[in-house]
């Protein structure tokens, strides 16, 4: 299941995505965590110190390798240089599986040991001073989008992506790459404003959106969220001494997380599992192609000097039965 965590800056989406990753790790299921936020904090939230987090390989710096591998023997893609962030897979493309070993994971993923087991972590890489004025952050997250386009995940396999804050997630088609999106909202007007934006933007794409209330301190906060988001409210999180200790760099064992918050995490997993049953692989592939054609027309064709619409394989549908090229 591909899951995304979104929300305004400071809402706690990175904290909650890291808790969800830890929760899944305790279940012994395969987990891939991806930090696609402009502020790279997921590694630290998973317990890495500053030096370990800084040493994580940036996916954006390894985009040529990613393109070359995923291209495979796809005859519709004339060269890796003509691949852009939205290039869809087709016959002959190499696909990624959550649990396999491959050159992309060798270059970009690192294991993170947690109480319940190890998870794979990949990061886009930070937005540096050298990028200011000359680069868009979404050019870095393009590596994530390309990998998600080529990723085949099955039941009881989890991909958890910490997305960039606010409505910036809509600067690319990546917001359609998930089975379910958890929007983290505080019980404030600003907290629910991003929900309204996301709901409006996602309406035409069949995005399954559930609100996770955070920093909820009492019935009044709960009533406020229910009034503002209605049935989209899935669960809420309140104060956590465990999280406070984690943010100080001294997390206790995860099995000491408060029972109420543990039950909330279990509801997130149940919602993700349920979304898998409604997975529409043809729509997923169709949306992938839709955003590729939009990007091709607006800038891709001119930049690459190629007709990128020709990369679309009209008979290809991304699903678990697809054979992976070697």
C-alpha atoms as a PDB file:
ATOM      1  CA  UNK A   1       0.000   0.000   0.000  1.00  0.00           C
ATOM      2  CA  UNK A   2       1.314   3.415  -0.949  1.00  0.00           C
ATOM      3  CA  UNK A   3       0.460   5.969   1.734  1.00  0.00           C
ATOM      4  CA  UNK A   4       1.204   9.695   1.899  1.00  0.00           C
ATOM      5  CA  UNK A   5       1.259  12.089   4.840  1.00  0.00           C
ATOM      6  CA  UNK A   6       0.467  15.708   4.013  1.00  0.00           C
ATOM      7  CA  UNK A   7      -0.462  18.805   6.001  1.00  0.00           C
ATOM      8  CA  UNK A   8       0.610  22.349   6.716  1.00  0.00           C
ATOM      9  CA  UNK A   9       4.068  23.015   8.077  1.00  0.00           C
ATOM     10  CA  UNK A  10       4.242  22.295  11.789  1.00  0.00           C
ATOM     11  CA  UNK A  11       1.125  20.114  11.804  1.00  0.00           C
ATOM     12  CA  UNK A  12       3.107  17.066  12.895  1.00  0.00           C
ATOM     13  CA  UNK A  13       2.934  15.104   9.648  1.00  0.00           C
ATOM     14  CA  UNK A  14       6.576  14.000   9.860  1.00  0.00           C
ATOM     15  CA  UNK A  15       6.107  12.895  13.462  1.00  0.00           C
ATOM     16  CA  UNK A  16       2.973  10.922  12.611  1.00  0.00           C
ATOM     17  CA  UNK A  17       4.465   9.395   9.481  1.00  0.00           C
ATOM     18  CA  UNK A  18       7.454   8.244  11.549  1.00  0.00           C
ATOM     19  CA  UNK A  19       5.120   6.767  14.178  1.00  0.00           C
ATOM     20  CA  UNK A  20       3.243   4.922  11.438  1.00  0.00           C
ATOM     21  CA  UNK A  21       6.522   3.552  10.069  1.00  0.00           C
ATOM     22  CA  UNK A  22       7.523   2.393  13.559  1.00  0.00           C
ATOM     23  CA  UNK A  23       4.108   0.811  14.086  1.00  0.00           C
ATOM     24  CA  UNK A  24       4.347  -1.127  10.834  1.00  0.00           C
ATOM     25  CA  UNK A  25       7.857  -2.264  11.726  1.00  0.00           C
ATOM     26  CA  UNK A  26       6.530  -3.851  14.920  1.00  0.00           C
ATOM     27  CA  UNK A  27       4.195  -5.944  12.746  1.00  0.00           C
ATOM     28  CA  UNK A  28       7.115  -7.385  10.831  1.00  0.00           C
ATOM     29  CA  UNK A  29       5.828  -6.263   7.418  1.00  0.00           C
ATOM     30  CA  UNK A  30       8.042  -4.826   4.659  1.00  0.00           C
ATOM     31  CA  UNK A  31       8.202  -1.024   4.925  1.00  0.00           C
ATOM     32  CA  UNK A  32       9.778   1.564   2.665  1.00  0.00           C
ATOM     33  CA  UNK A  33       9.861   5.103   4.088  1.00  0.00           C
ATOM     34  CA  UNK A  34      10.498   8.050   1.758  1.00  0.00           C
ATOM     35  CA  UNK A  35      11.225  11.624   2.835  1.00  0.00           C
ATOM     36  CA  UNK A  36       9.906  13.861   0.051  1.00  0.00           C
ATOM     37  CA  UNK A  37       9.560  16.985   2.203  1.00  0.00           C
ATOM     38  CA  UNK A  38      11.491  20.182   1.518  1.00  0.00           C
ATOM     39  CA  UNK A  39      12.631  19.958   5.137  1.00  0.00           C
ATOM     40  CA  UNK A  40      14.347  16.610   5.577  1.00  0.00           C
ATOM     41  CA  UNK A  41      13.365  15.471   9.073  1.00  0.00           C
ATOM     42  CA  UNK A  42      12.039  11.929   8.637  1.00  0.00           C
ATOM     43  CA  UNK A  43      15.435  10.328   9.261  1.00  0.00           C
ATOM     44  CA  UNK A  44      15.786  12.156  12.567  1.00  0.00           C
ATOM     45  CA  UNK A  45      12.216  11.229  13.517  1.00  0.00           C
ATOM     46  CA  UNK A  46      13.172   7.596  12.941  1.00  0.00           C
ATOM     47  CA  UNK A  47      16.057   7.939  15.367  1.00  0.00           C
ATOM     48  CA  UNK A  48      19.046   8.835  13.185  1.00  0.00           C
ATOM     49  CA  UNK A  49      21.483  11.341  14.631  1.00  0.00           C
ATOM     50  CA  UNK A  50      22.501  14.432  12.655  1.00  0.00           C
ATOM     51  CA  UNK A  51      25.550  12.798  11.105  1.00  0.00           C
ATOM     52  CA  UNK A  52      23.631   9.673  10.069  1.00  0.00           C
ATOM     53  CA  UNK A  53      20.806  11.741   8.570  1.00  0.00           C
ATOM     54  CA  UNK A  54      23.249  13.943   6.663  1.00  0.00           C
ATOM     55  CA  UNK A  55      24.986  10.872   5.246  1.00  0.00           C
ATOM     56  CA  UNK A  56      21.815   9.499   3.636  1.00  0.00           C
ATOM     57  CA  UNK A  57      22.205   9.391  -0.169  1.00  0.00           C
ATOM     58  CA  UNK A  58      20.014  11.907  -2.000  1.00  0.00           C
ATOM     59  CA  UNK A  59      17.746  10.423  -4.661  1.00  0.00           C
ATOM     60  CA  UNK A  60      17.878  13.683  -6.611  1.00  0.00           C
ATOM     61  CA  UNK A  61      21.660  13.344  -6.975  1.00  0.00           C
ATOM     62  CA  UNK A  62      21.269   9.852  -8.421  1.00  0.00           C
ATOM     63  CA  UNK A  63      18.595  10.578 -10.994  1.00  0.00           C
ATOM     64  CA  UNK A  64      20.736   9.503 -14.002  1.00  0.00           C
ATOM     65  CA  UNK A  65      21.265   6.075 -12.408  1.00  0.00           C
ATOM     66  CA  UNK A  66      17.553   5.776 -11.578  1.00  0.00           C
ATOM     67  CA  UNK A  67      16.537   6.636 -15.140  1.00  0.00           C
ATOM     68  CA  UNK A  68      19.064   4.299 -16.713  1.00  0.00           C
ATOM     69  CA  UNK A  69      17.909   1.373 -14.574  1.00  0.00           C
ATOM     70  CA  UNK A  70      14.163   1.940 -14.952  1.00  0.00           C
ATOM     71  CA  UNK A  71      14.379   2.423 -18.703  1.00  0.00           C
ATOM     72  CA  UNK A  72      15.435  -1.193 -19.136  1.00  0.00           C
ATOM     73  CA  UNK A  73      14.822  -2.342 -22.693  1.00  0.00           C
ATOM     74  CA  UNK A  74      11.678  -0.267 -23.245  1.00  0.00           C
ATOM     75  CA  UNK A  75      11.840   0.490 -27.000  1.00  0.00           C
ATOM     76  CA  UNK A  76       9.597   3.555 -26.617  1.00  0.00           C
ATOM     77  CA  UNK A  77      12.255   5.364 -24.575  1.00  0.00           C
ATOM     78  CA  UNK A  78      15.131   6.207 -26.891  1.00  0.00           C
ATOM     79  CA  UNK A  79      17.551   7.155 -24.113  1.00  0.00           C
ATOM     80  CA  UNK A  80      17.655   7.747 -20.376  1.00  0.00           C
ATOM     81  CA  UNK A  81      18.204  11.444 -21.144  1.00  0.00           C
ATOM     82  CA  UNK A  82      14.684  11.664 -22.599  1.00  0.00           C
ATOM     83  CA  UNK A  83      13.086  10.365 -19.409  1.00  0.00           C
ATOM     84  CA  UNK A  84      11.417  12.965 -17.204  1.00  0.00           C
ATOM     85  CA  UNK A  85       9.879  12.662 -13.749  1.00  0.00           C
ATOM     86  CA  UNK A  86       6.525  11.534 -15.179  1.00  0.00           C
ATOM     87  CA  UNK A  87       7.762   8.989 -17.731  1.00  0.00           C
ATOM     88  CA  UNK A  88       5.487   5.953 -17.365  1.00  0.00           C
ATOM     89  CA  UNK A  89       6.665   2.354 -17.547  1.00  0.00           C
ATOM     90  CA  UNK A  90       5.881   0.146 -20.496  1.00  0.00           C
ATOM     91  CA  UNK A  91       6.855  -3.173 -22.005  1.00  0.00           C
ATOM     92  CA  UNK A  92      10.555  -3.693 -21.288  1.00  0.00           C
ATOM     93  CA  UNK A  93      10.788  -1.214 -18.418  1.00  0.00           C
ATOM     94  CA  UNK A  94      12.381  -2.331 -15.192  1.00  0.00           C
ATOM     95  CA  UNK A  95       9.988  -2.135 -12.254  1.00  0.00           C
ATOM     96  CA  UNK A  96      10.740  -1.867  -8.559  1.00  0.00           C
ATOM     97  CA  UNK A  97       9.467  -4.269  -5.899  1.00  0.00           C
ATOM     98  CA  UNK A  98       9.322  -3.287  -2.244  1.00  0.00           C
ATOM     99  CA  UNK A  99      11.331  -6.220  -0.896  1.00  0.00           C
ATOM    100  CA  UNK A 100      13.832  -6.840  -3.679  1.00  0.00           C
ATOM    101  CA  UNK A 101      17.452  -5.760  -4.001  1.00  0.00           C
ATOM    102  CA  UNK A 102      18.326  -3.668  -7.053  1.00  0.00           C
ATOM    103  CA  UNK A 103      20.796  -0.960  -8.120  1.00  0.00           C
ATOM    104  CA  UNK A 104      18.343   1.845  -7.277  1.00  0.00           C
ATOM    105  CA  UNK A 105      17.991   0.694  -3.680  1.00  0.00           C
ATOM    106  CA  UNK A 106      21.729   0.007  -3.457  1.00  0.00           C
ATOM    107  CA  UNK A 107      22.380   3.625  -4.406  1.00  0.00           C
ATOM    108  CA  UNK A 108      19.503   5.393  -2.675  1.00  0.00           C
ATOM    109  CA  UNK A 109      18.104   3.321   0.212  1.00  0.00           C
ATOM    110  CA  UNK A 110      19.544   2.664   3.630  1.00  0.00           C
ATOM    111  CA  UNK A 111      18.245   0.322   6.365  1.00  0.00           C
ATOM    112  CA  UNK A 112      17.111   1.928   9.606  1.00  0.00           C
ATOM    113  CA  UNK A 113      16.952  -0.308  12.663  1.00  0.00           C
ATOM    114  CA  UNK A 114      13.863   0.219  14.819  1.00  0.00           C
ATOM    115  CA  UNK A 115      12.501  -1.592  17.866  1.00  0.00           C
ATOM    116  CA  UNK A 116      10.326  -3.823  15.729  1.00  0.00           C
ATOM    117  CA  UNK A 117      12.801  -4.456  12.915  1.00  0.00           C
ATOM    118  CA  UNK A 118      14.453  -2.674  10.006  1.00  0.00           C
ATOM    119  CA  UNK A 119      12.844  -0.459   7.372  1.00  0.00           C
ATOM    120  CA  UNK A 120      14.225   0.964   4.152  1.00  0.00           C
ATOM    121  CA  UNK A 121      14.610   4.744   4.077  1.00  0.00           C
ATOM    122  CA  UNK A 122      15.081   6.892   0.989  1.00  0.00           C
ATOM    123  CA  UNK A 123      15.305  10.692   0.906  1.00  0.00           C
ATOM    124  CA  UNK A 124      15.105  13.269  -1.870  1.00  0.00           C
ATOM    125  CA  UNK A 125      17.976  15.202  -0.356  1.00  0.00           C
ATOM    126  CA  UNK A 126      17.905  18.705   1.114  1.00  0.00           C
ATOM    127  CA  UNK A 127      17.279  21.921  -0.777  1.00  0.00           C
ATOM    128  CA  UNK A 128      20.702  23.540  -0.496  1.00  0.00           C
ATOM    129  CA  UNK A 129      22.050  27.073  -0.823  1.00  0.00           C
ATOM    130  CA  UNK A 130      23.341  26.123  -4.276  1.00  0.00           C
ATOM    131  CA  UNK A 131      19.759  25.510  -5.392  1.00  0.00           C
ATOM    132  CA  UNK A 132      18.465  28.932  -4.366  1.00  0.00           C
ATOM    133  CA  UNK A 133      17.363  30.983  -7.361  1.00  0.00           C
ATOM    134  CA  UNK A 134      18.264  28.306  -9.900  1.00  0.00           C
ATOM    135  CA  UNK A 135      16.273  25.196  -9.010  1.00  0.00           C
ATOM    136  CA  UNK A 136      12.766  24.206  -8.051  1.00  0.00           C
ATOM    137  CA  UNK A 137      12.455  21.789  -5.149  1.00  0.00           C
ATOM    138  CA  UNK A 138      10.057  19.697  -7.208  1.00  0.00           C
ATOM    139  CA  UNK A 139      12.909  18.881  -9.581  1.00  0.00           C
ATOM    140  CA  UNK A 140      14.376  16.933  -6.652  1.00  0.00           C
ATOM    141  CA  UNK A 141      11.138  15.151  -5.784  1.00  0.00           C
ATOM    142  CA  UNK A 142      10.946  14.091  -9.431  1.00  0.00           C
ATOM    143  CA  UNK A 143      13.138  11.131  -8.524  1.00  0.00           C
ATOM    144  CA  UNK A 144      10.481  10.000  -6.034  1.00  0.00           C
ATOM    145  CA  UNK A 145       7.698  10.396  -8.580  1.00  0.00           C
ATOM    146  CA  UNK A 146       9.613   8.401 -11.192  1.00  0.00           C
ATOM    147  CA  UNK A 147      10.239   5.588  -8.726  1.00  0.00           C
ATOM    148  CA  UNK A 148       6.589   5.533  -7.626  1.00  0.00           C
ATOM    149  CA  UNK A 149       5.545   5.298 -11.276  1.00  0.00           C
ATOM    150  CA  UNK A 150       7.632   2.132 -11.573  1.00  0.00           C
ATOM    151  CA  UNK A 151       6.894   0.638  -8.146  1.00  0.00           C
ATOM    152  CA  UNK A 152       4.851  -2.537  -7.805  1.00  0.00           C
ATOM    153  CA  UNK A 153       3.655  -3.076  -4.249  1.00  0.00           C
ATOM    154  CA  UNK A 154       1.369  -5.778  -2.982  1.00  0.00           C
ATOM    155  CA  UNK A 155      -0.781  -6.615  -0.002  1.00  0.00           C
ATOM    156  CA  UNK A 156       1.025  -6.273   3.352  1.00  0.00           C
ATOM    157  CA  UNK A 157       3.797  -4.204   1.741  1.00  0.00           C
ATOM    158  CA  UNK A 158       3.864  -0.559   2.796  1.00  0.00           C
ATOM    159  CA  UNK A 159       5.340   2.555   1.247  1.00  0.00           C
ATOM    160  CA  UNK A 160       5.089   5.614   3.520  1.00  0.00           C
ATOM    161  CA  UNK A 161       5.901   9.004   1.978  1.00  0.00           C
ATOM    162  CA  UNK A 162       6.328  12.181   4.016  1.00  0.00           C
ATOM    163  CA  UNK A 163       5.264  14.805   1.468  1.00  0.00           C
ATOM    164  CA  UNK A 164       6.195  18.474   1.249  1.00  0.00           C
ATOM    165  CA  UNK A 165       4.041  20.798   3.342  1.00  0.00           C
ATOM    166  CA  UNK A 166       0.842  22.550   2.325  1.00  0.00           C
ATOM    167  CA  UNK A 167      -0.580  22.583  -1.182  1.00  0.00           C
ATOM    168  CA  UNK A 168       2.911  22.335  -2.739  1.00  0.00           C
ATOM    169  CA  UNK A 169       2.163  18.632  -3.110  1.00  0.00           C
ATOM    170  CA  UNK A 170       0.049  19.565  -6.136  1.00  0.00           C
ATOM    171  CA  UNK A 171       2.970  21.023  -8.094  1.00  0.00           C
ATOM    172  CA  UNK A 172       3.318  17.565  -9.680  1.00  0.00           C
ATOM    173  CA  UNK A 173       1.128  14.560 -10.319  1.00  0.00           C
ATOM    174  CA  UNK A 174       2.670  12.717  -7.379  1.00  0.00           C
ATOM    175  CA  UNK A 175      -0.422  13.374  -5.262  1.00  0.00           C
ATOM    176  CA  UNK A 176      -2.262  10.724  -7.327  1.00  0.00           C
ATOM    177  CA  UNK A 177       0.369   8.024  -6.687  1.00  0.00           C
ATOM    178  CA  UNK A 178      -1.100   6.747  -3.419  1.00  0.00           C
ATOM    179  CA  UNK A 179      -3.765   4.303  -2.288  1.00  0.00           C
ATOM    180  CA  UNK A 180      -4.608   6.601   0.612  1.00  0.00           C
ATOM    181  CA  UNK A 181      -3.502  10.046   1.749  1.00  0.00           C
ATOM    182  CA  UNK A 182      -3.476  10.993   5.417  1.00  0.00           C
ATOM    183  CA  UNK A 183      -3.865  14.725   5.909  1.00  0.00           C
ATOM    184  CA  UNK A 184      -2.620  15.802   9.332  1.00  0.00           C
ATOM    185  CA  UNK A 185      -4.637  18.736  10.672  1.00  0.00           C
ATOM    186  CA  UNK A 186      -4.511  20.655  13.912  1.00  0.00           C
ATOM    187  CA  UNK A 187      -7.837  21.836  15.380  1.00  0.00           C
ATOM    188  CA  UNK A 188      -7.385  25.429  14.130  1.00  0.00           C
ATOM    189  CA  UNK A 189      -8.588  27.447  11.142  1.00  0.00           C
ATOM    190  CA  UNK A 190      -5.122  27.285   9.595  1.00  0.00           C
ATOM    191  CA  UNK A 191      -4.960  23.617  10.400  1.00  0.00           C
ATOM    192  CA  UNK A 192      -7.997  22.780   8.289  1.00  0.00           C
ATOM    193  CA  UNK A 193      -7.294  25.265   5.479  1.00  0.00           C
ATOM    194  CA  UNK A 194      -4.876  22.859   3.803  1.00  0.00           C
ATOM    195  CA  UNK A 195      -7.540  20.154   4.058  1.00  0.00           C
ATOM    196  CA  UNK A 196      -9.962  22.319   2.063  1.00  0.00           C
ATOM    197  CA  UNK A 197      -7.345  23.005  -0.600  1.00  0.00           C
ATOM    198  CA  UNK A 198      -6.369  19.351  -0.847  1.00  0.00           C
ATOM    199  CA  UNK A 199      -9.982  18.225  -0.981  1.00  0.00           C
ATOM    200  CA  UNK A 200     -10.738  20.612  -3.820  1.00  0.00           C
ATOM    201  CA  UNK A 201      -7.644  19.797  -5.868  1.00  0.00           C
ATOM    202  CA  UNK A 202      -7.977  16.043  -5.395  1.00  0.00           C
ATOM    203  CA  UNK A 203     -11.704  15.822  -6.090  1.00  0.00           C
ATOM    204  CA  UNK A 204     -11.374  15.113  -9.820  1.00  0.00           C
ATOM    205  CA  UNK A 205      -8.709  12.431  -9.377  1.00  0.00           C
ATOM    206  CA  UNK A 206     -10.373   9.993  -7.026  1.00  0.00           C
ATOM    207  CA  UNK A 207      -7.792  10.579  -4.304  1.00  0.00           C
ATOM    208  CA  UNK A 208      -8.791   8.807  -1.091  1.00  0.00           C
ATOM    209  CA  UNK A 209      -8.261  11.367   1.649  1.00  0.00           C
ATOM    210  CA  UNK A 210      -8.562  10.851   5.394  1.00  0.00           C
ATOM    211  CA  UNK A 211      -7.915  13.493   8.047  1.00  0.00           C
ATOM    212  CA  UNK A 212      -5.763  12.688  11.052  1.00  0.00           C
ATOM    213  CA  UNK A 213      -6.375  15.206  13.817  1.00  0.00           C
ATOM    214  CA  UNK A 214      -3.226  16.063  15.752  1.00  0.00           C
ATOM    215  CA  UNK A 215      -2.594  17.974  18.984  1.00  0.00           C
ATOM    216  CA  UNK A 216      -6.209  17.389  20.019  1.00  0.00           C
ATOM    217  CA  UNK A 217      -6.569  18.318  23.672  1.00  0.00           C
ATOM    218  CA  UNK A 218     -10.229  17.851  24.448  1.00  0.00           C
ATOM    219  CA  UNK A 219     -13.817  17.511  23.295  1.00  0.00           C
ATOM    220  CA  UNK A 220     -13.927  21.068  21.952  1.00  0.00           C
ATOM    221  CA  UNK A 221     -10.993  20.345  19.623  1.00  0.00           C
ATOM    222  CA  UNK A 222     -12.640  17.121  18.494  1.00  0.00           C
ATOM    223  CA  UNK A 223     -15.976  18.858  17.857  1.00  0.00           C
ATOM    224  CA  UNK A 224     -14.203  21.551  15.841  1.00  0.00           C
ATOM    225  CA  UNK A 225     -12.529  19.024  13.546  1.00  0.00           C
ATOM    226  CA  UNK A 226     -15.722  17.049  13.090  1.00  0.00           C
ATOM    227  CA  UNK A 227     -17.586  20.212  12.139  1.00  0.00           C
ATOM    228  CA  UNK A 228     -14.885  21.269   9.663  1.00  0.00           C
ATOM    229  CA  UNK A 229     -14.001  17.988   7.922  1.00  0.00           C
ATOM    230  CA  UNK A 230     -17.007  15.762   8.583  1.00  0.00           C
ATOM    231  CA  UNK A 231     -16.716  12.093   7.720  1.00  0.00           C
ATOM    232  CA  UNK A 232     -13.179  12.557   6.407  1.00  0.00           C
ATOM    233  CA  UNK A 233     -11.955  12.630  10.020  1.00  0.00           C
ATOM    234  CA  UNK A 234     -10.467   9.195  10.628  1.00  0.00           C
ATOM    235  CA  UNK A 235      -8.757   9.458  14.009  1.00  0.00           C
ATOM    236  CA  UNK A 236      -7.076  11.914  16.357  1.00  0.00           C
ATOM    237  CA  UNK A 237      -3.843  12.040  18.324  1.00  0.00           C
ATOM    238  CA  UNK A 238      -3.414  13.875  21.591  1.00  0.00           C
ATOM    239  CA  UNK A 239      -0.494  14.621  23.871  1.00  0.00           C
ATOM    240  CA  UNK A 240       2.241  11.989  23.929  1.00  0.00           C
ATOM    241  CA  UNK A 241       5.033  11.762  26.463  1.00  0.00           C
ATOM    242  CA  UNK A 242       6.652   9.226  24.133  1.00  0.00           C
ATOM    243  CA  UNK A 243       6.742  11.755  21.282  1.00  0.00           C
ATOM    244  CA  UNK A 244       8.086  14.447  23.599  1.00  0.00           C
ATOM    245  CA  UNK A 245      10.942  12.133  24.584  1.00  0.00           C
ATOM    246  CA  UNK A 246      11.564  11.276  20.917  1.00  0.00           C
ATOM    247  CA  UNK A 247      11.812  14.949  19.996  1.00  0.00           C
ATOM    248  CA  UNK A 248      14.454  15.345  22.705  1.00  0.00           C
ATOM    249  CA  UNK A 249      16.425  12.529  21.102  1.00  0.00           C
ATOM    250  CA  UNK A 250      15.699  10.081  23.906  1.00  0.00           C
ATOM    251  CA  UNK A 251      12.863   7.859  22.683  1.00  0.00           C
ATOM    252  CA  UNK A 252      11.905   4.953  24.954  1.00  0.00           C
ATOM    253  CA  UNK A 253      11.075   1.596  23.438  1.00  0.00           C
ATOM    254  CA  UNK A 254       8.167   1.879  21.053  1.00  0.00           C
ATOM    255  CA  UNK A 255       6.077  -0.606  23.010  1.00  0.00           C
ATOM    256  CA  UNK A 256       5.736   2.073  25.699  1.00  0.00           C
ATOM    257  CA  UNK A 257       3.764   4.372  23.376  1.00  0.00           C
ATOM    258  CA  UNK A 258       0.430   5.306  24.928  1.00  0.00           C
ATOM    259  CA  UNK A 259      -2.390   2.833  24.280  1.00  0.00           C
ATOM    260  CA  UNK A 260      -4.683   5.494  22.790  1.00  0.00           C
ATOM    261  CA  UNK A 261      -2.056   6.540  20.260  1.00  0.00           C
ATOM    262  CA  UNK A 262      -1.207   2.913  19.497  1.00  0.00           C
ATOM    263  CA  UNK A 263      -4.878   2.247  18.720  1.00  0.00           C
ATOM    264  CA  UNK A 264      -4.904   5.321  16.489  1.00  0.00           C
ATOM    265  CA  UNK A 265      -1.933   3.963  14.517  1.00  0.00           C
ATOM    266  CA  UNK A 266      -3.729   0.665  14.122  1.00  0.00           C
ATOM    267  CA  UNK A 267      -6.685   2.530  12.609  1.00  0.00           C
ATOM    268  CA  UNK A 268      -4.329   4.093  10.066  1.00  0.00           C
ATOM    269  CA  UNK A 269      -3.104   0.640   9.069  1.00  0.00           C
ATOM    270  CA  UNK A 270      -6.670  -0.671   8.824  1.00  0.00           C
ATOM    271  CA  UNK A 271      -7.592   2.261   6.572  1.00  0.00           C
ATOM    272  CA  UNK A 272      -4.557   1.622   4.353  1.00  0.00           C
ATOM    273  CA  UNK A 273      -5.371  -2.087   4.102  1.00  0.00           C
ATOM    274  CA  UNK A 274      -8.961  -1.260   3.206  1.00  0.00           C
ATOM    275  CA  UNK A 275      -7.811   1.118   0.464  1.00  0.00           C
ATOM    276  CA  UNK A 276      -5.895  -1.732  -1.138  1.00  0.00           C
ATOM    277  CA  UNK A 277      -9.180  -3.540  -1.766  1.00  0.00           C
ATOM    278  CA  UNK A 278     -10.374  -0.545  -3.807  1.00  0.00           C
ATOM    279  CA  UNK A 279      -7.182  -0.197  -5.841  1.00  0.00           C
ATOM    280  CA  UNK A 280      -7.961   0.700  -9.460  1.00  0.00           C
ATOM    281  CA  UNK A 281      -4.848  -0.172 -11.446  1.00  0.00           C
ATOM    282  CA  UNK A 282      -6.238   1.070 -14.765  1.00  0.00           C
ATOM    283  CA  UNK A 283      -7.094   4.476 -13.299  1.00  0.00           C
ATOM    284  CA  UNK A 284      -3.689   4.633 -11.623  1.00  0.00           C
ATOM    285  CA  UNK A 285      -1.961   4.022 -14.953  1.00  0.00           C
ATOM    286  CA  UNK A 286      -4.308   6.405 -16.773  1.00  0.00           C
ATOM    287  CA  UNK A 287      -3.509   9.220 -14.345  1.00  0.00           C
ATOM    288  CA  UNK A 288       0.192   8.515 -14.709  1.00  0.00           C
ATOM    289  CA  UNK A 289      -0.130   8.960 -18.462  1.00  0.00           C
ATOM    290  CA  UNK A 290      -2.309  12.075 -18.044  1.00  0.00           C
ATOM    291  CA  UNK A 291       0.336  13.943 -16.056  1.00  0.00           C
ATOM    292  CA  UNK A 292       3.108  12.728 -18.325  1.00  0.00           C
ATOM    293  CA  UNK A 293       1.371  14.167 -21.384  1.00  0.00           C
ATOM    294  CA  UNK A 294       0.756  17.463 -19.562  1.00  0.00           C
ATOM    295  CA  UNK A 295       4.413  17.741 -18.601  1.00  0.00           C
ATOM    296  CA  UNK A 296       5.545  16.714 -22.061  1.00  0.00           C
ATOM    297  CA  UNK A 297       3.512  19.449 -23.710  1.00  0.00           C
ATOM    298  CA  UNK A 298       4.300  22.199 -21.212  1.00  0.00           C
ATOM    299  CA  UNK A 299       8.090  21.744 -20.963  1.00  0.00           C
ATOM    300  CA  UNK A 300       9.315  18.169 -21.493  1.00  0.00           C
ATOM    301  CA  UNK A 301       9.320  18.024 -25.290  1.00  0.00           C
ATOM    302  CA  UNK A 302      11.211  21.291 -25.572  1.00  0.00           C
ATOM    303  CA  UNK A 303      13.757  20.401 -22.913  1.00  0.00           C
ATOM    304  CA  UNK A 304      14.549  16.912 -24.221  1.00  0.00           C
ATOM    305  CA  UNK A 305      14.085  17.566 -27.932  1.00  0.00           C
ATOM    306  CA  UNK A 306      11.879  14.494 -28.194  1.00  0.00           C
ATOM    307  CA  UNK A 307       8.197  13.709 -28.576  1.00  0.00           C
ATOM    308  CA  UNK A 308       7.579  12.348 -25.091  1.00  0.00           C
ATOM    309  CA  UNK A 309       4.019  11.321 -25.915  1.00  0.00           C
ATOM    310  CA  UNK A 310       5.608   8.491 -27.896  1.00  0.00           C
ATOM    311  CA  UNK A 311       6.871   7.017 -24.593  1.00  0.00           C
ATOM    312  CA  UNK A 312       3.341   5.974 -23.628  1.00  0.00           C
ATOM    313  CA  UNK A 313       2.647   2.261 -24.063  1.00  0.00           C
ATOM    314  CA  UNK A 314      -1.140   2.183 -24.655  1.00  0.00           C
ATOM    315  CA  UNK A 315      -1.494  -1.486 -23.736  1.00  0.00           C
ATOM    316  CA  UNK A 316       0.416  -1.346 -20.452  1.00  0.00           C
ATOM    317  CA  UNK A 317      -1.256  -1.402 -17.021  1.00  0.00           C
ATOM    318  CA  UNK A 318       0.886  -1.311 -13.879  1.00  0.00           C
ATOM    319  CA  UNK A 319      -0.069  -4.130 -11.540  1.00  0.00           C
ATOM    320  CA  UNK A 320       1.311  -6.956  -9.458  1.00  0.00           C
ATOM    321  CA  UNK A 321       1.040  -9.428 -12.332  1.00  0.00           C
ATOM    322  CA  UNK A 322       3.378  -7.404 -14.538  1.00  0.00           C
ATOM    323  CA  UNK A 323       6.647  -9.154 -15.310  1.00  0.00           C
ATOM    324  CA  UNK A 324       9.724  -7.253 -14.162  1.00  0.00           C
ATOM    325  CA  UNK A 325      12.417  -6.803 -16.802  1.00  0.00           C
ATOM    326  CA  UNK A 326      15.935  -7.872 -15.775  1.00  0.00           C
END
